Amino acid sequence: MSGNGMNRVFLARLAGTAVFDPNGDPVGKVRDAVATLRSNNQPPRILGLVVEVPLRRRVFVPITRVTSIESGAVVITGLLNMRRFETRAGEILVLGDLLDRSITIVESGESVVVEDMGMELTRTGDWLISKVHIMRKGRGIRRKGATSTVAWNELVGFAAQEASQGATNLLATLSTLRAADLATVLQDLSPKRRIEVARALDDERLADVIEEMDEQVRVELLAELEGERAADVLEEMDPDDAADLLREIGEERAQELIDLMDPEDAEDVLRLMTYEDYSAGGLMTTEPIVMSADYSVADALAAVRKSELSPALASQIFICRQPLETPTGRFIGLVHYQRLLREPPATLLGSIVDSSTHGVNPDASLHEVASYLASYNLLSIPVIDANERLLGAITVDDVLDHLLPENWRHAHRDSAATTAALENIDTSFEGELSEGSRG
């Protein structure tokens, strides 16, 4: 790998640099670098770069995939993982977390401000932050202080960014809680603690937790999340839950977050927001399992095994004509999960479809939906438009969520687990959780 100077690269200057693949095609631009702090004030190790690709998505590129860093260009090799970047516990963003910090010179005790970080390539092939460009306090009005570049180990004050063992234990405790119980834990915290813990959770986990929160608390929590992080969490939520939350936060903020979301995810949410809250359209999810009649039982069983599906949504397959994404082609009928278990894997779904369930229209009331589910002992029902296209599905848990009294969420939580988690949080240091998780 080549670099400028003696294999030293100053990261603030690298920000905005164009990134290219080996063929010279543009990939994106550098926005930050990801590092991990080490014990005994050793220089931090660079793990990779945060690169902004089209559609304002930021992705992680391991430093081992960077083949060249030259003036005005960074070259990477290999396939790019397009998963949206999030920091893991124990990681820091060099520009986002360390620049403009006040730290202390060991020898003099003088307080200085970080202006840039220089990473250097070692003989072992690691990139370490070995140099720090600092600015001393100026004298007089509007006068900048002197600047200089010093070695990392000549400074102290960065250790506060390192997650302590207490925070590690806390995150381990929270990871064992079910989403509903973790929601109770967060709701019992002060707003400051709540946002610290929320920022330590990955997008998918936080989305599950927000879906279990009371309306007021989840609106307050979403308001505290940065725009891009909030949009990422909304993308991970079930579209119907995301639509409900966006209705609650105000039109201006909702539009801001929709603009930041992935266009495909935003399209589903916007479609649901056109329906009334307590109508079938407002209750449904746009992501049921949809297949055509020529799929096999083996295909269907593979689909229902997906861990992200709720038991209610995995209970049946919706059979439709092409296209198979909602709104689909003409709705044909259902295949129940129990029926799948009775048939040979090669059996075609068209031969076992139940065409007696006609579903409800999107304007049906909550009472009509609940009555339909109860009458036919179903865990989910299709929502069909006037042209017999499948728009989505309503699961029994979504119906119960709207039928139960407002405080129902607190009645059947695992009190022992939530109490232990709260005690663990109370003994941990405030602010020591790192934001997000890439795991």
Protein backbone atom coordinates (compact mmCIF):
# COMPACT_ATOMS: atom_id res chain seq x y z
CA MET A 1 0.00 0.00 0.00
CA SER A 2 1.34 3.44 -0.78
CA GLY A 3 0.70 6.70 1.03
CA ASN A 4 1.84 10.32 1.06
CA GLY A 5 4.98 11.32 3.01
CA MET A 6 6.53 8.39 4.83
CA ASN A 7 3.37 6.30 4.71
CA ARG A 8 1.66 8.89 6.91
CA VAL A 9 -1.87 10.09 6.15
CA PHE A 10 -3.66 12.87 8.00
CA LEU A 11 -7.29 11.86 8.23
CA ALA A 12 -9.01 15.25 8.30
CA ARG A 13 -7.30 16.00 5.01
CA LEU A 14 -8.34 12.59 3.67
CA ALA A 15 -12.04 13.35 4.28
CA GLY A 16 -13.82 13.98 0.99
CA THR A 17 -11.19 12.14 -1.04
CA ALA A 18 -12.61 10.15 -3.96
CA VAL A 19 -12.53 6.34 -3.71
CA PHE A 20 -11.97 4.20 -6.82
CA ASP A 21 -12.04 0.49 -7.63
CA PRO A 22 -9.03 -1.17 -9.36
CA ASN A 23 -10.51 -0.32 -12.80
CA GLY A 24 -10.55 3.37 -11.98
CA ASP A 25 -14.32 3.57 -11.62
CA PRO A 26 -15.54 5.90 -8.83
CA VAL A 27 -17.01 4.22 -5.76
CA GLY A 28 -17.68 7.11 -3.38
CA LYS A 29 -15.90 9.48 -1.00
CA VAL A 30 -14.11 9.04 2.31
CA ARG A 31 -16.11 10.44 5.22
CA ASP A 32 -14.29 9.08 8.28
CA ALA A 33 -12.02 6.36 9.64
CA VAL A 34 -12.87 3.69 12.21
CA ALA A 35 -10.37 2.94 14.96
CA THR A 36 -10.14 0.98 18.20
CA LEU A 37 -8.37 2.34 21.28
CA ARG A 38 -5.76 0.17 22.99
CA SER A 39 -4.58 -0.16 26.57
CA ASN A 40 -1.65 1.75 28.13
CA ASN A 41 -2.15 4.71 25.80
CA GLN A 42 -0.83 2.77 22.80
CA PRO A 43 -1.59 4.29 19.38
CA PRO A 44 -5.08 3.27 18.19
CA ARG A 45 -5.36 0.78 15.35
CA ILE A 46 -7.26 1.82 12.22
CA LEU A 47 -9.86 -0.80 11.26
CA GLY A 48 -11.19 0.76 8.07
CA LEU A 49 -12.71 3.74 6.30
CA VAL A 50 -16.27 5.00 6.20
CA VAL A 51 -17.10 5.63 2.55
CA GLU A 52 -20.19 7.45 1.31
CA VAL A 53 -21.59 5.77 -1.80
CA PRO A 54 -24.53 6.95 -3.97
CA LEU A 55 -27.90 7.60 -2.24
CA ARG A 56 -25.97 9.01 0.76
CA ARG A 57 -25.39 5.55 2.17
CA ARG A 58 -22.27 5.17 4.27
CA VAL A 59 -20.53 1.79 4.20
CA PHE A 60 -17.51 0.27 5.92
CA VAL A 61 -14.37 -0.61 3.93
CA PRO A 62 -11.79 -2.65 5.88
CA ILE A 63 -8.35 -1.05 5.83
CA THR A 64 -6.98 -4.34 4.49
CA ARG A 65 -8.97 -3.71 1.30
CA VAL A 66 -7.32 -0.33 0.72
CA THR A 67 -4.49 -0.81 -1.77
CA SER A 68 -3.42 2.79 -2.28
CA ILE A 69 -3.79 6.17 -0.59
CA GLU A 70 -2.48 8.98 -2.75
CA SER A 71 -3.18 12.69 -3.00
CA GLY A 72 -6.75 12.99 -4.25
CA ALA A 73 -7.50 9.28 -4.57
CA VAL A 74 -8.03 6.15 -2.50
CA VAL A 75 -8.07 2.79 -4.32
CA ILE A 76 -9.80 -0.27 -2.89
CA THR A 77 -10.10 -3.85 -4.05
CA GLY A 78 -12.68 -6.61 -3.69
CA LEU A 79 -16.46 -6.55 -3.43
CA LEU A 80 -18.03 -3.69 -1.49
CA ASN A 81 -20.36 -4.63 1.37
CA MET A 82 -23.30 -2.26 0.89
CA ARG A 83 -24.70 -2.75 4.39
CA ARG A 84 -25.13 0.66 6.03
CA PHE A 85 -22.24 1.42 8.39
CA GLU A 86 -22.68 1.46 12.16
CA THR A 87 -19.95 1.49 14.80
CA ARG A 88 -19.51 -1.48 17.11
CA ALA A 89 -19.02 -1.21 20.85
CA GLY A 90 -15.35 -0.44 21.45
CA GLU A 91 -14.89 1.37 18.12
CA ILE A 92 -14.58 5.10 17.53
CA LEU A 93 -14.94 7.40 14.55
CA VAL A 94 -11.68 9.31 14.27
CA LEU A 95 -13.15 12.51 12.85
CA GLY A 96 -16.55 12.26 14.50
CA ASP A 97 -15.35 11.33 18.01
CA LEU A 98 -11.78 12.61 18.41
CA LEU A 99 -11.43 15.85 16.45
CA ASP A 100 -12.03 19.15 18.30
CA ARG A 101 -11.62 17.35 21.65
CA SER A 102 -9.73 19.01 24.50
CA ILE A 103 -6.92 16.76 25.68
CA THR A 104 -3.79 17.26 27.80
CA ILE A 105 -0.05 17.28 27.06
CA VAL A 106 1.54 14.80 29.47
CA GLU A 107 4.76 16.74 30.14
CA SER A 108 3.30 20.21 30.75
CA GLY A 109 -0.29 19.50 31.72
CA GLU A 110 -1.37 22.06 29.12
CA SER A 111 -4.84 21.68 27.61
CA VAL A 112 -4.88 21.62 23.81
CA VAL A 113 -7.40 20.94 21.04
CA VAL A 114 -7.15 18.13 18.47
CA GLU A 115 -7.13 19.39 14.89
CA ASP A 116 -6.10 16.28 12.95
CA MET A 117 -4.91 12.70 13.35
CA GLY A 118 -2.03 11.14 11.41
CA MET A 119 -2.05 7.40 10.75
CA GLU A 120 1.11 5.57 9.74
CA LEU A 121 1.71 2.17 8.16
CA THR A 122 3.80 -0.09 10.39
CA ARG A 123 6.13 -2.92 9.38
CA THR A 124 3.46 -5.41 10.43
CA GLY A 125 1.01 -3.92 7.93
CA ASP A 126 -1.17 -2.18 10.52
CA TRP A 127 -2.22 1.44 10.25
CA LEU A 128 -1.85 3.15 13.65
CA ILE A 129 -2.71 6.69 14.74
CA SER A 130 0.80 7.71 15.77
CA LYS A 131 0.61 11.50 15.35
CA VAL A 132 -1.83 14.14 16.54
CA HIS A 133 -1.97 17.67 15.17
CA ILE A 134 -2.91 19.99 18.04
CA MET A 135 -3.66 23.67 18.61
CA ARG A 136 -2.75 25.44 21.82
CA LYS A 137 -4.99 28.06 23.36
CA GLY A 138 -4.50 31.49 21.80
CA ARG A 139 -3.89 34.70 23.64
CA GLY A 140 -6.04 37.72 23.07
CA ILE A 141 -9.34 38.09 21.26
CA ARG A 142 -9.80 36.13 18.02
CA ARG A 143 -6.23 34.93 18.07
CA LYS A 144 -5.52 31.32 17.22
CA GLY A 145 -2.97 29.46 19.25
CA ALA A 146 0.17 27.85 17.89
CA THR A 147 -0.17 24.46 16.23
CA SER A 148 2.17 21.50 16.22
CA THR A 149 2.26 17.77 15.58
CA VAL A 150 3.11 15.47 18.49
CA ALA A 151 3.23 11.74 19.12
CA TRP A 152 0.07 10.02 20.37
CA ASN A 153 1.73 8.92 23.62
CA GLU A 154 2.62 12.53 24.49
CA LEU A 155 -1.09 13.19 25.13
CA VAL A 156 -3.71 11.94 27.57
CA GLY A 157 -7.48 12.35 27.66
CA PHE A 158 -8.63 10.01 24.93
CA ALA A 159 -9.37 7.10 27.27
CA ALA A 160 -12.85 8.41 28.06
CA GLN A 161 -13.84 7.28 24.56
CA GLU A 162 -12.96 3.66 25.40
CA ALA A 163 -15.85 1.49 26.53
CA SER A 164 -15.17 0.25 30.07
CA GLN A 165 -15.75 -3.25 31.35
CA GLY A 166 -18.90 -2.01 33.07
CA ALA A 167 -20.38 -0.94 29.74
CA THR A 168 -19.38 -4.26 28.20
CA ASN A 169 -21.18 -6.11 30.98
CA LEU A 170 -24.20 -3.85 30.58
CA LEU A 171 -24.47 -4.55 26.87
CA ALA A 172 -24.14 -8.26 27.55
CA THR A 173 -27.00 -8.06 30.05
CA LEU A 174 -29.22 -6.14 27.63
CA SER A 175 -28.52 -8.62 24.85
CA THR A 176 -30.25 -11.37 26.85
CA LEU A 177 -33.51 -9.45 27.25
CA ARG A 178 -36.44 -9.90 24.92
CA ALA A 179 -37.33 -6.78 22.95
CA ALA A 180 -40.48 -6.21 25.04
CA ASP A 181 -38.52 -6.41 28.32
CA LEU A 182 -35.76 -4.15 27.01
CA ALA A 183 -38.43 -1.64 26.00
CA THR A 184 -39.61 -1.60 29.62
CA VAL A 185 -36.03 -1.06 30.82
CA LEU A 186 -35.55 1.91 28.50
CA GLN A 187 -38.87 3.45 29.46
CA ASP A 188 -37.86 3.39 33.14
CA LEU A 189 -34.59 5.25 32.48
CA SER A 190 -33.99 8.98 32.48
CA PRO A 191 -34.09 10.50 28.96
CA LYS A 192 -30.29 10.92 28.98
CA ARG A 193 -29.62 7.30 29.96
CA ARG A 194 -32.28 6.08 27.54
CA ILE A 195 -30.62 7.68 24.52
CA GLU A 196 -27.17 6.40 25.62
CA VAL A 197 -28.42 2.81 25.75
CA ALA A 198 -30.38 3.23 22.51
CA ARG A 199 -27.28 4.46 20.71
CA ALA A 200 -25.39 1.37 21.86
CA LEU A 201 -27.89 -0.97 20.18
CA ASP A 202 -27.63 -1.95 16.53
CA ASP A 203 -30.35 -0.76 14.15
CA GLU A 204 -32.28 -4.03 14.00
CA ARG A 205 -32.31 -4.50 17.78
CA LEU A 206 -33.33 -0.88 18.41
CA ALA A 207 -36.10 -1.18 15.81
CA ASP A 208 -37.52 -4.24 17.61
CA VAL A 209 -37.41 -2.39 20.93
CA ILE A 210 -39.06 0.78 19.61
CA GLU A 211 -41.93 -1.31 18.24
CA GLU A 212 -42.61 -2.45 21.83
CA MET A 213 -42.53 1.03 23.40
CA ASP A 214 -45.37 3.29 24.46
CA GLU A 215 -46.23 5.95 21.90
CA GLN A 216 -44.94 8.98 23.81
CA VAL A 217 -41.60 7.40 24.77
CA ARG A 218 -40.78 6.16 21.28
CA VAL A 219 -41.57 9.56 19.78
CA GLU A 220 -39.22 11.20 22.30
CA LEU A 221 -36.50 8.63 21.61
CA LEU A 222 -36.72 9.02 17.84
CA ALA A 223 -36.46 12.80 18.26
CA GLU A 224 -33.09 12.32 20.03
CA LEU A 225 -31.57 10.12 17.31
CA GLU A 226 -29.57 11.78 14.57
CA GLY A 227 -31.38 11.97 11.22
CA GLU A 228 -29.49 9.22 9.38
CA ARG A 229 -29.55 6.88 12.40
CA ALA A 230 -33.29 7.45 12.86
CA ALA A 231 -33.88 6.71 9.18
CA ASP A 232 -31.80 3.51 9.43
CA VAL A 233 -33.87 2.32 12.40
CA LEU A 234 -37.12 3.07 10.59
CA GLU A 235 -35.91 0.95 7.65
CA GLU A 236 -35.44 -2.00 10.03
CA MET A 237 -38.92 -1.66 11.54
CA ASP A 238 -41.96 -3.41 10.13
CA PRO A 239 -43.43 -0.98 7.58
CA ASP A 240 -46.73 -0.69 9.48
CA ASP A 241 -44.93 0.15 12.74
CA ALA A 242 -42.69 2.65 10.95
CA ALA A 243 -45.75 4.29 9.39
CA ASP A 244 -47.47 4.53 12.79
CA LEU A 245 -44.39 6.16 14.32
CA LEU A 246 -43.99 8.65 11.48
CA ARG A 247 -47.62 9.69 11.91
CA GLU A 248 -46.87 10.46 15.55
CA ILE A 249 -43.76 12.64 15.16
CA GLY A 250 -45.15 15.48 13.09
CA GLU A 251 -45.34 16.07 9.35
CA GLU A 252 -42.12 18.07 8.96
CA ARG A 253 -39.89 15.64 10.90
CA ALA A 254 -41.58 12.66 9.19
CA GLN A 255 -40.83 14.04 5.72
CA GLU A 256 -37.21 14.72 6.72
CA LEU A 257 -36.72 11.09 7.78
CA ILE A 258 -38.56 9.67 4.76
CA ASP A 259 -36.16 11.60 2.51
CA LEU A 260 -33.23 9.94 4.30
CA MET A 261 -34.65 6.42 4.03
CA ASP A 262 -33.86 3.92 1.29
CA PRO A 263 -36.37 4.68 -1.53
CA GLU A 264 -37.83 1.14 -1.54
CA ASP A 265 -38.41 1.14 2.22
CA ALA A 266 -39.82 4.66 2.09
CA GLU A 267 -42.25 3.66 -0.67
CA ASP A 268 -43.83 0.94 1.49
CA VAL A 269 -44.14 3.26 4.47
CA LEU A 270 -45.63 6.11 2.43
CA ARG A 271 -48.22 3.75 0.98
CA LEU A 272 -49.33 2.71 4.46
CA MET A 273 -49.52 6.31 5.66
CA THR A 274 -52.31 7.03 3.17
CA TYR A 275 -54.70 4.83 5.19
CA GLU A 276 -56.52 5.68 8.40
CA ASP A 277 -54.83 4.54 11.63
CA TYR A 278 -57.49 2.02 12.66
CA SER A 279 -58.38 0.73 9.19
CA ALA A 280 -57.19 -2.55 7.68
CA GLY A 281 -54.82 -0.59 5.43
CA GLY A 282 -53.33 1.20 8.43
CA LEU A 283 -52.91 -2.05 10.36
CA MET A 284 -51.37 -4.22 7.63
CA THR A 285 -47.76 -4.98 6.86
CA THR A 286 -46.68 -4.82 3.23
CA GLU A 287 -44.19 -7.71 3.64
CA PRO A 288 -46.09 -11.00 4.00
CA ILE A 289 -44.68 -14.18 2.42
CA VAL A 290 -45.93 -14.12 -1.17
CA MET A 291 -45.40 -16.93 -3.68
CA SER A 292 -46.92 -18.11 -6.92
CA ALA A 293 -48.75 -21.42 -7.41
CA ASP A 294 -45.73 -23.04 -9.08
CA TYR A 295 -43.52 -22.75 -6.00
CA SER A 296 -42.97 -25.96 -4.03
CA VAL A 297 -43.59 -26.89 -0.40
CA ALA A 298 -39.79 -26.93 0.05
CA ASP A 299 -39.61 -23.32 -1.18
CA ALA A 300 -42.34 -22.29 1.26
CA LEU A 301 -40.74 -24.03 4.24
CA ALA A 302 -37.45 -22.31 3.48
CA ALA A 303 -39.24 -18.95 3.48
CA VAL A 304 -40.97 -19.42 6.84
CA ARG A 305 -37.67 -20.37 8.50
CA LYS A 306 -36.39 -16.78 8.24
CA SER A 307 -35.68 -15.55 11.76
CA GLU A 308 -36.90 -12.01 11.11
CA LEU A 309 -40.46 -13.20 10.50
CA SER A 310 -42.90 -13.11 13.39
CA PRO A 311 -44.67 -16.43 14.16
CA ALA A 312 -47.99 -14.92 13.05
CA LEU A 313 -46.60 -13.76 9.70
CA ALA A 314 -44.83 -17.10 9.14
CA SER A 315 -48.06 -19.03 9.74
CA GLN A 316 -49.21 -18.88 6.13
CA ILE A 317 -48.11 -18.29 2.56
CA PHE A 318 -50.11 -15.92 0.34
CA ILE A 319 -50.50 -17.30 -3.18
CA CYS A 320 -50.79 -14.72 -5.96
CA ARG A 321 -50.13 -14.21 -9.62
CA GLN A 322 -47.11 -12.14 -10.68
CA PRO A 323 -45.85 -9.68 -9.54
CA LEU A 324 -45.17 -11.19 -6.14
CA GLU A 325 -44.38 -7.96 -4.29
CA THR A 326 -47.28 -6.00 -2.83
CA PRO A 327 -49.44 -4.80 -4.42
CA THR A 328 -49.31 -8.16 -6.17
CA GLY A 329 -51.12 -9.71 -9.09
CA ARG A 330 -54.49 -11.34 -8.46
CA PHE A 331 -54.79 -12.99 -5.05
CA ILE A 332 -55.50 -16.75 -5.30
CA GLY A 333 -55.54 -17.99 -1.71
CA LEU A 334 -53.53 -19.19 1.28
CA VAL A 335 -51.40 -22.17 2.20
CA HIS A 336 -51.25 -22.73 5.95
CA TYR A 337 -47.96 -23.67 7.59
CA GLN A 338 -49.53 -26.76 9.15
CA ARG A 339 -50.54 -28.00 5.69
CA LEU A 340 -46.95 -27.55 4.49
CA LEU A 341 -45.77 -29.97 7.16
CA ARG A 342 -48.11 -32.68 5.87
CA GLU A 343 -47.03 -32.57 2.22
CA PRO A 344 -43.99 -33.94 0.36
CA PRO A 345 -41.36 -31.22 -0.33
CA ALA A 346 -41.87 -31.37 -4.12
CA THR A 347 -45.62 -30.69 -3.94
CA LEU A 348 -46.63 -27.51 -5.77
CA LEU A 349 -48.43 -24.89 -3.70
CA GLY A 350 -51.13 -24.52 -6.34
CA SER A 351 -52.36 -28.03 -5.55
CA ILE A 352 -52.89 -27.34 -1.82
CA VAL A 353 -54.02 -23.72 -1.83
CA ASP A 354 -56.99 -22.72 0.35
CA SER A 355 -59.10 -20.34 -1.74
CA SER A 356 -61.90 -19.94 0.81
CA THR A 357 -60.26 -17.01 2.66
CA HIS A 358 -61.20 -13.82 0.83
CA GLY A 359 -59.67 -11.31 3.24
CA VAL A 360 -60.77 -7.73 3.88
CA ASN A 361 -60.60 -4.49 1.95
CA PRO A 362 -58.19 -1.75 3.11
CA ASP A 363 -61.01 0.42 4.48
CA ALA A 364 -62.35 -2.29 6.82
CA SER A 365 -62.56 -1.22 10.46
CA LEU A 366 -60.57 -2.64 13.36
CA HIS A 367 -63.74 -4.37 14.61
CA GLU A 368 -64.29 -6.03 11.20
CA VAL A 369 -60.68 -7.24 11.10
CA ALA A 370 -60.83 -8.64 14.64
CA SER A 371 -64.14 -10.40 13.91
CA TYR A 372 -62.72 -11.98 10.74
CA LEU A 373 -59.66 -13.33 12.57
CA ALA A 374 -61.80 -14.72 15.39
CA SER A 375 -64.46 -16.24 13.09
CA TYR A 376 -61.98 -18.26 11.03
CA ASN A 377 -59.31 -18.93 13.71
CA LEU A 378 -56.58 -17.21 11.70
CA LEU A 379 -53.26 -15.71 12.78
CA SER A 380 -53.17 -13.35 9.80
CA ILE A 381 -55.52 -12.26 7.03
CA PRO A 382 -54.98 -10.79 3.58
CA VAL A 383 -55.91 -7.23 2.66
CA ILE A 384 -57.29 -7.18 -0.91
CA ASP A 385 -58.12 -4.18 -3.13
CA ALA A 386 -61.04 -3.85 -5.56
CA ASN A 387 -58.95 -5.47 -8.33
CA GLU A 388 -58.28 -8.56 -6.17
CA ARG A 389 -54.63 -7.66 -5.67
CA LEU A 390 -52.92 -8.46 -2.35
CA LEU A 391 -51.94 -5.20 -0.64
CA GLY A 392 -50.63 -6.69 2.59
CA ALA A 393 -51.51 -8.81 5.60
CA ILE A 394 -52.75 -8.11 9.12
CA THR A 395 -51.43 -10.28 11.94
CA VAL A 396 -53.26 -11.00 15.17
CA ASP A 397 -50.59 -9.27 17.28
CA ASP A 398 -51.16 -5.98 15.43
CA VAL A 399 -54.88 -6.24 16.11
CA LEU A 400 -54.35 -6.99 19.81
CA ASP A 401 -51.97 -4.04 20.06
CA HIS A 402 -54.85 -1.72 19.15
CA LEU A 403 -57.58 -3.50 21.12
CA LEU A 404 -55.82 -3.73 24.49
CA PRO A 405 -55.78 -0.81 26.97
CA GLU A 406 -52.94 1.72 26.71
CA ASN A 407 -50.90 0.36 29.64
CA TRP A 408 -51.08 -3.31 28.59
CA ARG A 409 -47.38 -3.41 27.72
CA HIS A 410 -46.36 -3.20 31.39
CA ALA A 411 -48.62 -5.96 32.73
CA HIS A 412 -46.70 -9.08 31.68
CA ARG A 413 -43.03 -8.17 31.54
CA ASP A 414 -40.24 -10.29 32.99
CA SER A 415 -39.84 -8.21 36.15
CA ALA A 416 -36.76 -10.08 37.41
CA ALA A 417 -34.89 -9.58 34.14
CA THR A 418 -35.81 -5.91 33.82
CA THR A 419 -34.92 -5.17 37.44
CA ALA A 420 -31.49 -6.78 37.04
CA ALA A 421 -30.85 -4.79 33.86
CA LEU A 422 -31.82 -1.52 35.56
CA GLU A 423 -29.49 -2.24 38.46
CA ASN A 424 -26.68 -2.96 36.01
CA ILE A 425 -27.34 0.32 34.22
CA ASP A 426 -27.37 2.24 37.50
CA THR A 427 -23.90 0.94 38.39
CA SER A 428 -22.38 1.77 35.01
CA PHE A 429 -20.76 5.06 34.08
CA GLU A 430 -22.98 7.51 32.20
CA GLY A 431 -21.90 8.26 28.68
CA GLU A 432 -19.49 5.36 28.37
CA LEU A 433 -21.50 3.51 25.74
CA SER A 434 -20.25 3.80 22.19
CA GLU A 435 -22.77 4.73 19.54
CA GLY A 436 -24.19 1.93 17.37
CA SER A 437 -22.96 -1.52 16.47
CA ARG A 438 -21.79 -3.01 13.18
CA GLY A 439 -22.22 -6.62 14.44
